[in-house]
Amino acid sequence: MIYTKTIQLLSVICLLASCTPTPVSIHLTNNLSIERQNETVEVLIADLPELLSSKIDKIGVYDPSENTFLTTQLIDIDQDGKMDQLIFQPQLAPSSEKTFHLKEQPDKPEAVEYCFSRIVPTRIDDYTWENDKVAFRTYGPRAQALVEEGKEGGIISSGIDCWLKKVSYPVINKWYKASEEDGISYHEDHGEGLDNYHVGISRGAGGLAIKGAEDQYFVSKNFTTHKTLASGPLRTLFQFDYADWQGPQGMIKEQKTISLDYGNNLMKIEVSIQGTDHVAAGISLQENNGTILDKNNILIFKQNHFETTLSNVILTPQKYFKTQHLYNPQIKDQNHVFLDLKILNQSLVYYVGFYWSESKQFADHQAWEKHLDDLAIKIENPIQLNIN
């Protein structure tokens, strides 16, 4: 999941005779010898001329070489009622350049919300999210309160759960509805995939922890509030706030902003955190029947998962990477491999995802590893963007 922001805004000239603006073009450059696709380009609407920004809901991204409009999505980041970003996903050949035009798009087609997230009040207060490749869930304040009140059905955990999909279309609403109305369990595979990943009080597939002295780990509890910022064909975006939690040297303040884009097996997690200069993102070792693959700033845990292969991954940009470490006391929900991360200016960025063999999304695990290697390179070398 790559995000590209405007580097330069060149002058936009209005032809005085006709009062018609010259075409606004977006020029993209791929400096890598790797094909780029399913990478999300962000155009800041504030950087566009008023003639476009005032009717941005009617503006599309046109590819003159293909004589077609690309799928786009508008996002209101600060939820003030005004759109802040126009996003799209171009396809760029290795070491190439390409120009797109911003122009009025007649009859914008309705697009499927492949990238979707929501709170699930009928399942206590889980928060779930998905795209065409993967799905996840985590746990809210009501689930925590049930435990603290001594009632059944709750959980205290800021770990991340994996929902394993075989299909590209959305399943969250379908699976919950089938469970609530017909008693059909999404913990069993009925042809589309299932949730048979165990989180418990572990870090699951990418939750955070801080290591203290004598192998003591400090973690947050469930999120306290959530905010859904966007769902759409290309991106779902949302925020979690957490109650201040105890760290090795004092209280920790934490907020996560999570985005999951179309065509990506990894979500991006942006963390605002105070009270520490380091943290670790962990992958639960589950039944201790897997292999840890150490690739510097890429951590992979490949495991045998109910006669299938599940490969969890945590990846971070090089500037946040410290090292990796294993903590495996052979105690349920406490066995993890961790990617150790630096906090820079009270913030952190890391990526979390997985590949499930039954999804057939990659030819084999070697192809998955190659994909992750390329992704790490792309993150360090984003697509270059100029608006003319």
Protein backbone atom coordinates (compact mmCIF):
# COMPACT_ATOMS: atom_id res chain seq x y z
CA MET A 1 0.00 0.00 0.00
CA ILE A 2 1.84 3.08 -1.24
CA TYR A 3 0.78 6.70 -0.90
CA THR A 4 2.08 9.48 -3.16
CA LYS A 5 1.60 13.16 -2.39
CA THR A 6 1.93 16.22 -4.61
CA ILE A 7 5.55 17.27 -5.00
CA GLN A 8 5.11 20.35 -7.14
CA LEU A 9 2.24 22.49 -8.43
CA LEU A 10 3.02 24.21 -11.71
CA SER A 11 1.02 27.18 -12.96
CA VAL A 12 -2.49 26.72 -14.31
CA ILE A 13 -3.28 29.36 -16.94
CA CYS A 14 -6.75 30.58 -17.84
CA LEU A 15 -7.18 31.48 -21.52
CA LEU A 16 -8.55 34.98 -21.22
CA ALA A 17 -10.29 34.95 -24.56
CA SER A 18 -12.51 31.98 -23.75
CA CYS A 19 -12.18 31.82 -19.94
CA THR A 20 -11.55 28.11 -20.42
CA PRO A 21 -8.69 26.67 -18.35
CA THR A 22 -5.91 24.75 -19.97
CA PRO A 23 -6.09 21.02 -19.20
CA VAL A 24 -4.77 20.12 -15.77
CA SER A 25 -2.49 17.14 -16.13
CA ILE A 26 -0.99 14.73 -13.62
CA HIS A 27 2.43 13.53 -14.64
CA LEU A 28 3.66 10.36 -12.92
CA THR A 29 7.17 8.95 -12.94
CA ASN A 30 8.18 5.42 -11.96
CA ASN A 31 11.91 5.46 -11.24
CA LEU A 32 12.06 1.74 -10.46
CA SER A 33 12.58 -1.19 -12.82
CA ILE A 34 9.42 -2.71 -11.31
CA GLU A 35 5.88 -2.48 -12.61
CA ARG A 36 3.61 -0.35 -10.43
CA GLN A 37 -0.04 -1.26 -9.91
CA ASN A 38 -2.51 -1.11 -7.02
CA GLU A 39 -0.52 1.80 -5.61
CA THR A 40 -2.69 4.68 -4.53
CA VAL A 41 -1.82 8.17 -5.74
CA GLU A 42 -3.14 11.01 -3.59
CA VAL A 43 -3.96 14.39 -5.14
CA LEU A 44 -4.48 17.18 -2.64
CA ILE A 45 -7.59 19.07 -3.69
CA ALA A 46 -6.25 22.25 -2.08
CA ASP A 47 -3.49 22.21 -4.69
CA LEU A 48 -5.96 22.31 -7.59
CA PRO A 49 -7.34 25.46 -9.24
CA GLU A 50 -10.70 26.70 -7.99
CA LEU A 51 -12.37 25.81 -11.29
CA LEU A 52 -11.69 22.16 -10.53
CA SER A 53 -11.86 22.04 -6.75
CA SER A 54 -15.28 23.72 -6.69
CA LYS A 55 -16.79 20.82 -8.67
CA ILE A 56 -14.43 18.05 -7.61
CA ASP A 57 -17.27 15.55 -7.28
CA LYS A 58 -17.68 15.75 -11.06
CA ILE A 59 -13.96 15.51 -11.89
CA GLY A 60 -12.35 12.28 -13.04
CA VAL A 61 -8.85 11.09 -13.90
CA TYR A 62 -8.64 10.50 -17.64
CA ASP A 63 -6.05 8.28 -19.31
CA PRO A 64 -5.60 9.65 -22.87
CA SER A 65 -3.54 6.65 -23.95
CA GLU A 66 -6.46 4.33 -23.20
CA ASN A 67 -9.27 6.82 -23.83
CA THR A 68 -10.85 5.97 -20.50
CA PHE A 69 -11.43 7.27 -16.99
CA LEU A 70 -9.84 5.53 -14.02
CA THR A 71 -11.71 4.61 -10.86
CA THR A 72 -11.35 7.43 -8.32
CA GLN A 73 -12.42 8.17 -4.75
CA LEU A 74 -12.80 11.39 -2.78
CA ILE A 75 -11.84 11.46 0.91
CA ASP A 76 -12.69 14.03 3.60
CA ILE A 77 -9.76 13.45 5.97
CA ASP A 78 -10.75 15.94 8.69
CA GLN A 79 -14.49 15.31 8.35
CA ASP A 80 -15.31 19.00 7.89
CA GLY A 81 -17.65 18.39 4.96
CA LYS A 82 -15.07 19.34 2.32
CA MET A 83 -13.12 16.75 0.35
CA ASP A 84 -9.37 16.81 0.92
CA GLN A 85 -8.02 14.12 -1.41
CA LEU A 86 -8.74 12.63 -4.79
CA ILE A 87 -7.16 9.18 -5.04
CA PHE A 88 -6.66 6.75 -7.93
CA GLN A 89 -4.53 3.74 -8.83
CA PRO A 90 -2.57 4.00 -12.11
CA GLN A 91 -0.63 1.24 -13.78
CA LEU A 92 2.93 2.14 -14.70
CA ALA A 93 5.45 0.07 -16.62
CA PRO A 94 8.97 -0.29 -15.21
CA SER A 95 11.11 2.87 -15.54
CA SER A 96 8.35 4.83 -17.24
CA GLU A 97 6.39 8.06 -17.20
CA LYS A 98 2.73 8.65 -17.90
CA THR A 99 0.38 11.64 -17.99
CA PHE A 100 -3.27 11.71 -16.95
CA HIS A 101 -5.77 14.55 -17.22
CA LEU A 102 -8.16 15.92 -14.62
CA LYS A 103 -11.39 16.65 -16.44
CA GLU A 104 -15.12 16.55 -15.95
CA GLN A 105 -16.42 12.99 -16.12
CA PRO A 106 -19.96 12.56 -17.36
CA ASP A 107 -22.05 9.86 -15.74
CA LYS A 108 -19.60 8.51 -13.18
CA PRO A 109 -20.37 4.81 -12.79
CA GLU A 110 -21.25 3.41 -9.38
CA ALA A 111 -18.36 1.46 -7.93
CA VAL A 112 -18.41 -1.47 -5.53
CA GLU A 113 -17.19 -0.63 -2.01
CA TYR A 114 -14.49 -3.29 -2.03
CA CYS A 115 -12.69 -1.38 0.71
CA PHE A 116 -15.09 -1.32 3.60
CA SER A 117 -15.09 -0.96 7.40
CA ARG A 118 -17.63 -0.57 10.17
CA ILE A 119 -18.43 -1.07 13.82
CA VAL A 120 -20.53 -4.19 14.48
CA PRO A 121 -22.86 -3.46 17.43
CA THR A 122 -24.66 -6.78 16.99
CA ARG A 123 -21.36 -8.57 17.74
CA ILE A 124 -20.70 -6.61 20.95
CA ASP A 125 -18.66 -3.79 19.34
CA ASP A 126 -16.13 -5.39 17.05
CA TYR A 127 -14.65 -3.19 14.36
CA THR A 128 -14.07 -4.95 11.05
CA TRP A 129 -12.46 -3.96 7.76
CA GLU A 130 -11.69 -5.58 4.41
CA ASN A 131 -10.76 -5.16 0.76
CA ASP A 132 -10.71 -7.59 -2.17
CA LYS A 133 -7.78 -9.55 -0.69
CA VAL A 134 -7.97 -9.68 3.11
CA ALA A 135 -10.16 -8.86 6.12
CA PHE A 136 -9.47 -7.99 9.76
CA ARG A 137 -11.18 -7.23 13.04
CA THR A 138 -10.39 -5.88 16.49
CA TYR A 139 -12.27 -5.26 19.71
CA GLY A 140 -14.02 -2.32 21.30
CA PRO A 141 -14.92 -0.93 24.73
CA ARG A 142 -18.07 -2.99 25.31
CA ALA A 143 -16.11 -6.24 24.85
CA GLN A 144 -13.66 -4.99 27.49
CA ALA A 145 -16.47 -3.96 29.86
CA LEU A 146 -18.02 -7.44 29.74
CA VAL A 147 -14.79 -8.94 31.05
CA GLU A 148 -14.40 -6.29 33.72
CA GLU A 149 -18.01 -6.86 34.81
CA GLY A 150 -17.42 -10.60 35.04
CA LYS A 151 -19.82 -11.39 32.20
CA GLU A 152 -19.41 -13.84 29.34
CA GLY A 153 -18.64 -13.01 25.72
CA GLY A 154 -16.11 -10.24 26.16
CA ILE A 155 -12.40 -9.92 25.51
CA ILE A 156 -9.65 -7.51 26.55
CA SER A 157 -7.23 -7.27 23.64
CA SER A 158 -5.80 -4.73 21.22
CA GLY A 159 -4.60 -7.62 19.06
CA ILE A 160 -5.60 -7.86 15.40
CA ASP A 161 -7.70 -10.73 14.04
CA CYS A 162 -7.44 -12.12 10.48
CA TRP A 163 -10.46 -13.13 8.42
CA LEU A 164 -9.33 -15.42 5.62
CA LYS A 165 -11.01 -14.76 2.27
CA LYS A 166 -11.15 -16.86 -0.90
CA VAL A 167 -13.25 -14.34 -2.83
CA SER A 168 -12.68 -10.77 -4.00
CA TYR A 169 -16.16 -9.42 -3.20
CA PRO A 170 -17.06 -8.04 0.26
CA VAL A 171 -17.97 -10.62 2.92
CA ILE A 172 -18.16 -8.78 6.25
CA ASN A 173 -21.84 -7.86 6.12
CA LYS A 174 -22.76 -11.17 4.50
CA TRP A 175 -21.02 -13.30 7.14
CA TYR A 176 -22.37 -11.34 10.09
CA LYS A 177 -25.91 -11.40 8.66
CA ALA A 178 -25.77 -15.15 8.05
CA SER A 179 -24.54 -15.67 11.61
CA GLU A 180 -27.14 -13.40 13.22
CA GLU A 181 -30.18 -14.42 11.17
CA ASP A 182 -29.50 -18.02 10.18
CA GLY A 183 -26.98 -19.27 12.72
CA ILE A 184 -24.38 -19.93 10.00
CA SER A 185 -20.96 -19.71 11.62
CA TYR A 186 -18.23 -17.68 9.93
CA HIS A 187 -15.77 -19.79 11.91
CA GLU A 188 -16.46 -22.51 9.34
CA ASP A 189 -15.66 -22.35 5.61
CA HIS A 190 -18.80 -22.34 3.47
CA GLY A 191 -16.90 -21.66 0.25
CA GLU A 192 -15.81 -18.03 0.73
CA GLY A 193 -13.31 -18.42 3.58
CA LEU A 194 -13.61 -18.18 7.37
CA ASP A 195 -12.38 -16.74 10.65
CA ASN A 196 -10.38 -19.51 12.33
CA TYR A 197 -7.47 -17.34 13.51
CA HIS A 198 -7.01 -17.12 17.28
CA VAL A 199 -6.19 -13.78 18.88
CA GLY A 200 -7.19 -14.01 22.54
CA ILE A 201 -4.99 -11.70 24.60
CA SER A 202 -2.10 -12.04 22.12
CA ARG A 203 -0.92 -9.37 19.69
CA GLY A 204 -2.59 -11.40 16.94
CA ALA A 205 -1.48 -10.23 13.52
CA GLY A 206 0.33 -6.96 14.26
CA GLY A 207 -0.69 -5.47 17.61
CA LEU A 208 1.78 -3.29 19.53
CA ALA A 209 3.69 -3.94 22.76
CA ILE A 210 6.56 -2.40 24.71
CA LYS A 211 9.15 -4.72 26.22
CA GLY A 212 10.17 -3.94 29.78
CA ALA A 213 12.68 -5.58 32.08
CA GLU A 214 12.76 -9.35 32.64
CA ASP A 215 10.62 -10.14 29.60
CA GLN A 216 7.64 -8.12 30.80
CA TYR A 217 5.46 -6.77 27.99
CA PHE A 218 3.15 -3.75 28.27
CA VAL A 219 0.13 -3.39 25.96
CA SER A 220 -2.96 -1.25 25.49
CA LYS A 221 -6.49 -2.52 26.08
CA ASN A 222 -9.36 -2.31 23.59
CA PHE A 223 -9.91 0.85 21.56
CA THR A 224 -12.15 3.32 23.38
CA THR A 225 -13.51 5.28 20.41
CA HIS A 226 -13.50 4.80 16.65
CA LYS A 227 -14.06 7.07 13.66
CA THR A 228 -14.80 5.77 10.17
CA LEU A 229 -13.38 8.32 7.71
CA ALA A 230 -13.87 6.62 4.35
CA SER A 231 -15.10 3.50 2.61
CA GLY A 232 -15.08 3.10 -1.12
CA PRO A 233 -13.80 1.35 -4.16
CA LEU A 234 -10.14 2.17 -3.45
CA ARG A 235 -9.64 2.81 0.28
CA THR A 236 -11.18 2.40 3.69
CA LEU A 237 -9.79 4.73 6.33
CA PHE A 238 -10.53 4.89 10.07
CA GLN A 239 -9.10 5.84 13.47
CA PHE A 240 -8.89 4.20 16.89
CA ASP A 241 -8.25 5.98 20.18
CA TYR A 242 -7.02 4.09 23.26
CA ALA A 243 -7.18 4.87 26.94
CA ASP A 244 -3.77 5.88 28.29
CA TRP A 245 -1.93 2.69 29.20
CA GLN A 246 0.98 1.82 31.44
CA GLY A 247 4.41 1.49 29.84
CA PRO A 248 7.73 0.52 31.42
CA GLN A 249 8.54 4.15 32.26
CA GLY A 250 5.16 5.84 32.54
CA MET A 251 1.85 6.31 30.76
CA ILE A 252 1.47 5.87 27.01
CA LYS A 253 -0.89 7.88 24.79
CA GLU A 254 -1.84 6.15 21.54
CA GLN A 255 -3.98 6.73 18.45
CA LYS A 256 -3.98 4.62 15.29
CA THR A 257 -5.03 5.69 11.79
CA ILE A 258 -5.49 2.64 9.57
CA SER A 259 -6.00 2.46 5.82
CA LEU A 260 -6.53 -0.54 3.58
CA ASP A 261 -6.43 -0.09 -0.19
CA TYR A 262 -7.78 -2.08 -3.08
CA GLY A 263 -5.52 -4.85 -4.37
CA ASN A 264 -3.28 -4.87 -1.29
CA ASN A 265 -2.64 -7.66 1.20
CA LEU A 266 -1.17 -5.18 3.70
CA MET A 267 -2.84 -2.30 5.51
CA LYS A 268 -1.00 0.82 6.55
CA ILE A 269 -1.02 1.71 10.26
CA GLU A 270 -0.01 5.24 11.25
CA VAL A 271 0.52 5.56 15.00
CA SER A 272 0.58 8.74 17.06
CA ILE A 273 2.21 7.74 20.34
CA GLN A 274 3.69 9.54 23.35
CA GLY A 275 5.57 8.25 26.37
CA THR A 276 8.12 6.02 24.65
CA ASP A 277 10.79 6.20 21.94
CA HIS A 278 10.35 2.58 20.88
CA VAL A 279 7.67 -0.07 20.48
CA ALA A 280 7.33 -3.53 18.92
CA ALA A 281 4.71 -4.94 16.55
CA GLY A 282 4.08 -8.62 17.20
CA ILE A 283 2.82 -11.69 15.39
CA SER A 284 1.36 -14.45 17.52
CA LEU A 285 3.13 -17.80 17.07
CA GLN A 286 -0.24 -19.53 17.46
CA GLU A 287 0.45 -23.29 17.73
CA ASN A 288 4.23 -22.91 17.39
CA ASN A 289 4.26 -24.85 14.15
CA GLY A 290 5.70 -22.28 11.79
CA THR A 291 8.86 -20.70 10.43
CA ILE A 292 10.12 -17.17 11.09
CA LEU A 293 11.65 -15.46 8.06
CA ASP A 294 13.95 -12.54 8.90
CA LYS A 295 14.21 -10.01 6.07
CA ASN A 296 15.56 -6.96 7.88
CA ASN A 297 12.59 -4.59 8.00
CA ILE A 298 10.19 -7.33 6.84
CA LEU A 299 9.06 -9.91 9.40
CA ILE A 300 7.25 -13.01 8.11
CA PHE A 301 5.76 -15.87 10.11
CA LYS A 302 4.81 -18.78 7.85
CA GLN A 303 2.74 -21.35 9.69
CA ASN A 304 0.77 -24.52 9.14
CA HIS A 305 -2.80 -23.40 9.75
CA PHE A 306 -5.43 -26.16 9.80
CA GLU A 307 -3.83 -27.99 6.87
CA THR A 308 -3.30 -24.73 4.96
CA THR A 309 -0.52 -22.15 4.96
CA LEU A 310 -0.99 -18.76 6.60
CA SER A 311 1.82 -16.24 6.22
CA ASN A 312 1.60 -13.15 8.43
CA VAL A 313 3.82 -10.17 7.77
CA ILE A 314 4.84 -6.89 9.39
CA LEU A 315 6.81 -4.41 7.28
CA THR A 316 8.10 -0.96 8.16
CA PRO A 317 9.99 1.77 6.28
CA GLN A 318 13.72 1.58 6.99
CA LYS A 319 13.77 4.74 9.10
CA TYR A 320 11.53 3.12 11.74
CA PHE A 321 13.30 -0.24 11.81
CA LYS A 322 15.43 -1.32 14.77
CA THR A 323 15.66 -5.12 14.86
CA GLN A 324 13.61 -8.27 15.45
CA HIS A 325 13.29 -10.49 18.49
CA LEU A 326 11.53 -13.67 19.61
CA TYR A 327 9.70 -14.24 22.87
CA ASN A 328 8.46 -17.82 23.15
CA PRO A 329 7.83 -18.96 26.74
CA GLN A 330 5.52 -21.71 25.46
CA ILE A 331 2.52 -20.12 27.18
CA LYS A 332 -0.73 -19.66 25.24
CA ASP A 333 -1.20 -16.15 23.81
CA GLN A 334 2.25 -15.02 25.02
CA ASN A 335 4.40 -16.52 22.24
CA HIS A 336 5.37 -13.92 19.65
CA VAL A 337 7.93 -12.78 17.15
CA PHE A 338 8.37 -9.00 17.20
CA LEU A 339 9.53 -6.33 14.79
CA ASP A 340 11.19 -3.65 16.95
CA LEU A 341 10.42 -0.11 15.86
CA LYS A 342 11.65 3.44 16.50
CA ILE A 343 9.27 6.26 17.38
CA LEU A 344 10.18 9.41 15.43
CA ASN A 345 8.57 12.72 16.40
CA GLN A 346 5.94 10.81 18.38
CA SER A 347 4.85 8.89 15.30
CA LEU A 348 5.35 5.57 13.57
CA VAL A 349 4.31 3.89 10.32
CA TYR A 350 4.14 0.17 9.74
CA TYR A 351 2.26 -2.26 7.49
CA VAL A 352 0.43 -5.44 8.49
CA GLY A 353 -1.10 -8.19 6.40
CA PHE A 354 -1.10 -11.81 5.37
CA TYR A 355 -1.39 -14.35 2.59
CA TRP A 356 -3.56 -17.46 2.93
CA SER A 357 -2.75 -20.34 0.59
CA GLU A 358 -6.43 -21.13 -0.05
CA SER A 359 -6.96 -17.69 -1.56
CA LYS A 360 -4.72 -18.62 -4.52
CA GLN A 361 -3.57 -14.99 -4.70
CA PHE A 362 0.06 -16.02 -5.22
CA ALA A 363 1.52 -18.99 -7.05
CA ASP A 364 3.45 -20.08 -3.98
CA HIS A 365 5.17 -18.67 -0.89
CA GLN A 366 8.25 -17.72 -2.89
CA ALA A 367 6.08 -15.48 -5.07
CA TRP A 368 4.61 -13.93 -1.92
CA GLU A 369 8.08 -13.20 -0.57
CA LYS A 370 9.09 -11.61 -3.88
CA HIS A 371 5.97 -9.45 -3.72
CA LEU A 372 6.94 -8.26 -0.22
CA ASP A 373 10.52 -7.55 -1.29
CA ASP A 374 9.23 -5.40 -4.15
CA LEU A 375 6.71 -3.68 -1.88
CA ALA A 376 9.45 -2.67 0.55
CA ILE A 377 11.39 -1.11 -2.33
CA LYS A 378 8.30 0.75 -3.57
CA ILE A 379 7.59 2.17 -0.12
CA GLU A 380 11.10 3.67 -0.05
CA ASN A 381 10.69 4.95 -3.64
CA PRO A 382 7.15 6.28 -4.15
CA ILE A 383 5.76 7.24 -7.53
CA GLN A 384 6.75 10.83 -8.34
CA LEU A 385 3.87 13.19 -9.00
CA ASN A 386 3.71 16.58 -10.72
CA ILE A 387 0.54 18.56 -11.41
CA ASN A 388 0.79 20.81 -14.46
